[in-house]
């Protein structure tokens, strides 16, 4: 793979616009697994990785792996960004409409 250097650059205002457009145009990928969606759903309810681990009977490492994979697929910068994008894209729904309920 060749890497080409360029002297082209954006000013701050233009760069902010590019970032906003990227966030608005880049759709959330639809290949999230059921388990990743379960974990995102739990995150949206404020559960920690430890709590999710206990509820799903999986290790914290596995929870964090699913969380990381979902963030990569969704191009999310944080767990909050991941949850927001999933709400916006309809991957998870408003809390009153959940088919799966967590006991917190």
N, C-alpha and C. Protein backbone atom coordinates (compact mmCIF):
# COMPACT_ATOMS: atom_id res chain seq x y z
N UNK A 1 0.85 -1.16 0.00
CA UNK A 1 0.00 0.00 0.00
C UNK A 1 0.89 1.23 0.00
N UNK A 2 0.65 2.12 -0.91
CA UNK A 2 1.45 3.34 -1.01
C UNK A 2 0.82 4.45 -0.19
N UNK A 3 1.64 5.21 0.45
CA UNK A 3 1.19 6.37 1.22
C UNK A 3 1.74 7.61 0.55
N UNK A 4 0.85 8.52 0.24
CA UNK A 4 1.25 9.74 -0.43
C UNK A 4 1.11 10.92 0.53
N UNK A 5 2.13 11.72 0.60
CA UNK A 5 2.08 12.92 1.41
C UNK A 5 1.51 14.06 0.58
N UNK A 6 0.78 14.91 1.26
CA UNK A 6 0.20 16.06 0.57
C UNK A 6 0.29 17.28 1.48
N UNK A 7 0.29 18.42 0.90
CA UNK A 7 0.32 19.66 1.67
C UNK A 7 -1.08 20.21 1.90
N UNK A 8 -2.09 19.50 1.45
CA UNK A 8 -3.47 19.94 1.59
C UNK A 8 -3.89 19.84 3.05
N UNK A 9 -4.57 20.86 3.57
CA UNK A 9 -5.07 20.81 4.94
C UNK A 9 -6.36 21.63 5.04
N UNK A 10 -7.13 21.33 6.06
CA UNK A 10 -8.37 22.05 6.33
C UNK A 10 -8.14 23.05 7.46
N UNK A 11 -8.85 24.18 7.42
CA UNK A 11 -8.85 25.05 8.59
C UNK A 11 -9.78 24.43 9.63
N UNK A 12 -9.78 24.94 10.85
CA UNK A 12 -10.57 24.34 11.94
C UNK A 12 -12.06 24.28 11.62
N UNK A 13 -12.59 25.34 11.04
CA UNK A 13 -14.02 25.38 10.73
C UNK A 13 -14.38 24.30 9.71
N UNK A 14 -13.56 24.16 8.68
CA UNK A 14 -13.82 23.15 7.65
C UNK A 14 -13.67 21.74 8.21
N UNK A 15 -12.68 21.53 9.06
CA UNK A 15 -12.48 20.21 9.65
C UNK A 15 -13.65 19.83 10.53
N UNK A 16 -14.18 20.77 11.30
CA UNK A 16 -15.35 20.48 12.12
C UNK A 16 -16.55 20.09 11.26
N UNK A 17 -16.71 20.75 10.13
CA UNK A 17 -17.80 20.42 9.21
C UNK A 17 -17.62 19.02 8.64
N UNK A 18 -16.40 18.66 8.28
CA UNK A 18 -16.12 17.32 7.75
C UNK A 18 -16.47 16.26 8.79
N UNK A 19 -16.08 16.49 10.04
CA UNK A 19 -16.38 15.54 11.11
C UNK A 19 -17.88 15.40 11.30
N UNK A 20 -18.62 16.51 11.29
CA UNK A 20 -20.08 16.46 11.43
C UNK A 20 -20.71 15.71 10.28
N UNK A 21 -20.27 15.97 9.08
CA UNK A 21 -20.82 15.28 7.91
C UNK A 21 -20.53 13.78 7.97
N UNK A 22 -19.33 13.43 8.39
CA UNK A 22 -18.96 12.02 8.50
C UNK A 22 -19.88 11.32 9.48
N UNK A 23 -20.15 11.95 10.64
CA UNK A 23 -21.04 11.36 11.63
C UNK A 23 -22.46 11.21 11.09
N UNK A 24 -22.91 12.17 10.30
CA UNK A 24 -24.27 12.14 9.80
C UNK A 24 -24.45 11.21 8.61
N UNK A 25 -23.42 11.04 7.80
CA UNK A 25 -23.53 10.25 6.58
C UNK A 25 -23.19 8.78 6.83
N UNK A 26 -22.28 8.53 7.70
CA UNK A 26 -21.81 7.16 7.91
C UNK A 26 -22.83 6.37 8.74
N UNK A 27 -23.59 5.48 8.13
CA UNK A 27 -24.61 4.75 8.88
C UNK A 27 -23.99 3.69 9.78
N UNK A 28 -24.73 3.35 10.80
CA UNK A 28 -24.30 2.29 11.68
C UNK A 28 -24.37 0.99 10.91
N UNK A 29 -23.34 0.19 11.03
CA UNK A 29 -23.36 -1.09 10.31
C UNK A 29 -24.47 -1.96 10.87
N UNK A 30 -25.02 -2.78 10.03
CA UNK A 30 -26.14 -3.62 10.44
C UNK A 30 -25.71 -5.02 10.83
N UNK A 31 -24.42 -5.26 10.87
CA UNK A 31 -23.98 -6.62 11.20
C UNK A 31 -23.59 -6.80 12.66
N UNK A 32 -24.23 -6.04 13.55
CA UNK A 32 -24.03 -6.26 14.97
C UNK A 32 -24.65 -7.61 15.33
N UNK A 33 -23.96 -8.36 16.17
CA UNK A 33 -24.51 -9.66 16.58
C UNK A 33 -25.59 -9.44 17.63
N UNK A 34 -26.39 -10.47 17.86
CA UNK A 34 -27.43 -10.39 18.90
C UNK A 34 -26.80 -10.11 20.26
N UNK A 35 -25.67 -10.72 20.53
CA UNK A 35 -25.01 -10.52 21.82
C UNK A 35 -24.50 -9.08 21.96
N UNK A 36 -23.94 -8.53 20.88
CA UNK A 36 -23.49 -7.13 20.92
C UNK A 36 -24.68 -6.21 21.17
N UNK A 37 -25.81 -6.49 20.57
CA UNK A 37 -27.00 -5.66 20.78
C UNK A 37 -27.49 -5.80 22.22
N UNK A 38 -27.44 -7.01 22.78
CA UNK A 38 -27.81 -7.21 24.18
C UNK A 38 -26.94 -6.35 25.09
N UNK A 39 -25.65 -6.33 24.80
CA UNK A 39 -24.71 -5.58 25.63
C UNK A 39 -24.93 -4.08 25.47
N UNK A 40 -25.18 -3.62 24.26
CA UNK A 40 -25.48 -2.20 24.04
C UNK A 40 -26.76 -1.82 24.78
N UNK A 41 -27.74 -2.69 24.73
CA UNK A 41 -29.01 -2.47 25.43
C UNK A 41 -28.75 -2.32 26.93
N UNK A 42 -27.92 -3.18 27.47
CA UNK A 42 -27.59 -3.11 28.90
C UNK A 42 -26.82 -1.84 29.22
N UNK A 43 -25.90 -1.45 28.35
CA UNK A 43 -25.15 -0.21 28.55
C UNK A 43 -26.10 0.99 28.57
N UNK A 44 -27.12 0.94 27.71
CA UNK A 44 -28.07 2.05 27.64
C UNK A 44 -28.86 2.19 28.93
N UNK A 45 -28.92 1.13 29.70
CA UNK A 45 -29.61 1.16 30.99
C UNK A 45 -28.67 1.47 32.14
N UNK A 46 -27.41 1.75 31.81
CA UNK A 46 -26.46 2.16 32.83
C UNK A 46 -25.72 1.03 33.52
N UNK A 47 -25.84 -0.19 33.02
CA UNK A 47 -25.14 -1.31 33.65
C UNK A 47 -23.66 -1.26 33.31
N UNK A 48 -22.84 -1.66 34.26
CA UNK A 48 -21.40 -1.74 34.06
C UNK A 48 -21.06 -3.08 33.41
N UNK A 49 -19.83 -3.20 32.96
CA UNK A 49 -19.38 -4.48 32.38
C UNK A 49 -19.49 -5.61 33.40
N UNK A 50 -19.17 -5.34 34.66
CA UNK A 50 -19.30 -6.36 35.71
C UNK A 50 -20.74 -6.81 35.87
N UNK A 51 -21.67 -5.86 35.86
CA UNK A 51 -23.09 -6.20 36.02
C UNK A 51 -23.61 -6.97 34.81
N UNK A 52 -23.20 -6.56 33.63
CA UNK A 52 -23.62 -7.26 32.41
C UNK A 52 -23.07 -8.68 32.43
N UNK A 53 -21.83 -8.82 32.83
CA UNK A 53 -21.19 -10.13 32.93
C UNK A 53 -21.99 -11.07 33.83
N UNK A 54 -22.39 -10.58 34.99
CA UNK A 54 -23.14 -11.39 35.94
C UNK A 54 -24.51 -11.77 35.39
N UNK A 55 -25.18 -10.84 34.73
CA UNK A 55 -26.53 -11.09 34.20
C UNK A 55 -26.52 -12.08 33.03
N UNK A 56 -25.46 -12.02 32.20
CA UNK A 56 -25.40 -12.88 31.01
C UNK A 56 -24.58 -14.15 31.23
N UNK A 57 -24.01 -14.29 32.43
CA UNK A 57 -23.20 -15.46 32.76
C UNK A 57 -22.03 -15.64 31.80
N UNK A 58 -21.36 -14.51 31.50
CA UNK A 58 -20.15 -14.53 30.69
C UNK A 58 -19.09 -13.71 31.42
N UNK A 59 -17.85 -13.84 31.02
CA UNK A 59 -16.78 -13.12 31.71
C UNK A 59 -16.80 -11.63 31.34
N UNK A 60 -16.22 -10.83 32.20
CA UNK A 60 -16.08 -9.40 31.94
C UNK A 60 -15.25 -9.19 30.67
N UNK A 61 -14.24 -10.02 30.48
CA UNK A 61 -13.41 -9.94 29.27
C UNK A 61 -14.27 -10.11 28.02
N UNK A 62 -15.20 -11.08 28.05
CA UNK A 62 -16.08 -11.33 26.91
C UNK A 62 -17.02 -10.14 26.68
N UNK A 63 -17.55 -9.59 27.76
CA UNK A 63 -18.40 -8.39 27.65
C UNK A 63 -17.63 -7.27 26.97
N UNK A 64 -16.43 -7.02 27.44
CA UNK A 64 -15.62 -5.94 26.89
C UNK A 64 -15.21 -6.20 25.44
N UNK A 65 -15.02 -7.47 25.09
CA UNK A 65 -14.71 -7.82 23.70
C UNK A 65 -15.90 -7.50 22.79
N UNK A 66 -17.10 -7.91 23.21
CA UNK A 66 -18.31 -7.59 22.43
C UNK A 66 -18.51 -6.09 22.33
N UNK A 67 -18.27 -5.41 23.43
CA UNK A 67 -18.42 -3.95 23.46
C UNK A 67 -17.45 -3.28 22.49
N UNK A 68 -16.20 -3.72 22.53
CA UNK A 68 -15.18 -3.17 21.63
C UNK A 68 -15.51 -3.45 20.17
N UNK A 69 -15.94 -4.68 19.88
CA UNK A 69 -16.30 -5.04 18.50
C UNK A 69 -17.47 -4.19 18.00
N UNK A 70 -18.45 -3.97 18.85
CA UNK A 70 -19.60 -3.14 18.47
C UNK A 70 -19.17 -1.70 18.22
N UNK A 71 -18.27 -1.19 19.04
CA UNK A 71 -17.77 0.17 18.85
C UNK A 71 -17.02 0.31 17.53
N UNK A 72 -16.26 -0.69 17.19
CA UNK A 72 -15.53 -0.67 15.91
C UNK A 72 -16.52 -0.69 14.75
N UNK A 73 -17.50 -1.60 14.80
CA UNK A 73 -18.48 -1.71 13.72
C UNK A 73 -19.29 -0.42 13.56
N UNK A 74 -19.59 0.24 14.69
CA UNK A 74 -20.40 1.45 14.65
C UNK A 74 -19.57 2.72 14.49
N UNK A 75 -18.27 2.57 14.44
CA UNK A 75 -17.37 3.71 14.35
C UNK A 75 -17.64 4.69 15.49
N UNK A 76 -17.80 4.15 16.69
CA UNK A 76 -18.12 4.95 17.87
C UNK A 76 -16.85 5.26 18.65
N UNK A 77 -16.80 6.45 19.22
CA UNK A 77 -15.62 6.90 19.96
C UNK A 77 -15.70 6.56 21.44
N UNK A 78 -16.90 6.25 21.93
CA UNK A 78 -17.09 5.92 23.34
C UNK A 78 -18.34 5.08 23.48
N UNK A 79 -18.56 4.53 24.68
CA UNK A 79 -19.77 3.74 24.91
C UNK A 79 -21.01 4.61 24.76
N UNK A 80 -20.94 5.85 25.23
CA UNK A 80 -22.08 6.77 25.10
C UNK A 80 -22.38 7.04 23.63
N UNK A 81 -21.34 7.22 22.83
CA UNK A 81 -21.51 7.45 21.40
C UNK A 81 -22.12 6.21 20.74
N UNK A 82 -21.69 5.03 21.14
CA UNK A 82 -22.23 3.78 20.63
C UNK A 82 -23.72 3.68 20.92
N UNK A 83 -24.11 3.94 22.16
CA UNK A 83 -25.52 3.87 22.55
C UNK A 83 -26.34 4.89 21.77
N UNK A 84 -25.83 6.12 21.67
CA UNK A 84 -26.56 7.15 20.93
C UNK A 84 -26.77 6.75 19.47
N UNK A 85 -25.71 6.26 18.83
CA UNK A 85 -25.84 5.85 17.42
C UNK A 85 -26.84 4.71 17.27
N UNK A 86 -26.85 3.78 18.22
CA UNK A 86 -27.78 2.67 18.14
C UNK A 86 -29.23 3.14 18.31
N UNK A 87 -29.46 4.10 19.20
CA UNK A 87 -30.80 4.68 19.32
C UNK A 87 -31.19 5.37 18.02
N UNK A 88 -30.28 6.17 17.48
CA UNK A 88 -30.57 6.93 16.26
C UNK A 88 -30.85 6.02 15.08
N UNK A 89 -30.16 4.89 15.00
CA UNK A 89 -30.31 3.98 13.88
C UNK A 89 -31.41 2.93 14.10
N UNK A 90 -32.02 2.95 15.28
CA UNK A 90 -33.10 2.02 15.56
C UNK A 90 -32.64 0.63 15.96
N UNK A 91 -31.37 0.47 16.26
CA UNK A 91 -30.85 -0.83 16.68
C UNK A 91 -31.42 -1.19 18.05
N UNK A 92 -31.48 -0.21 18.93
CA UNK A 92 -32.16 -0.37 20.21
C UNK A 92 -33.25 0.69 20.26
N UNK A 93 -34.30 0.40 20.99
CA UNK A 93 -35.46 1.28 21.02
C UNK A 93 -35.59 1.96 22.37
N UNK A 94 -36.53 2.89 22.41
CA UNK A 94 -36.82 3.60 23.66
C UNK A 94 -37.13 2.58 24.74
N UNK A 95 -36.74 2.85 25.94
CA UNK A 95 -36.84 1.89 27.03
C UNK A 95 -38.23 1.30 27.24
N UNK A 96 -39.27 2.06 27.01
CA UNK A 96 -40.62 1.55 27.21
C UNK A 96 -40.98 0.46 26.21
N UNK A 97 -40.24 0.38 25.12
CA UNK A 97 -40.55 -0.56 24.05
C UNK A 97 -39.66 -1.81 24.06
N UNK A 98 -38.79 -1.95 25.05
CA UNK A 98 -37.88 -3.09 25.06
C UNK A 98 -38.63 -4.40 25.19
N UNK A 99 -38.25 -5.34 24.38
CA UNK A 99 -38.78 -6.69 24.51
C UNK A 99 -38.01 -7.44 25.60
N UNK A 100 -36.75 -7.07 25.77
CA UNK A 100 -35.89 -7.74 26.75
C UNK A 100 -35.69 -6.78 27.91
N UNK A 101 -36.03 -7.19 29.12
CA UNK A 101 -35.93 -6.32 30.29
C UNK A 101 -34.84 -6.81 31.22
N UNK A 102 -34.02 -5.87 31.66
CA UNK A 102 -32.99 -6.18 32.64
C UNK A 102 -33.55 -5.90 34.03
N UNK A 103 -33.26 -6.78 34.98
CA UNK A 103 -33.61 -6.52 36.38
C UNK A 103 -32.46 -5.77 36.99
N UNK A 104 -32.70 -4.52 37.32
CA UNK A 104 -31.61 -3.71 37.91
C UNK A 104 -31.90 -3.40 39.34
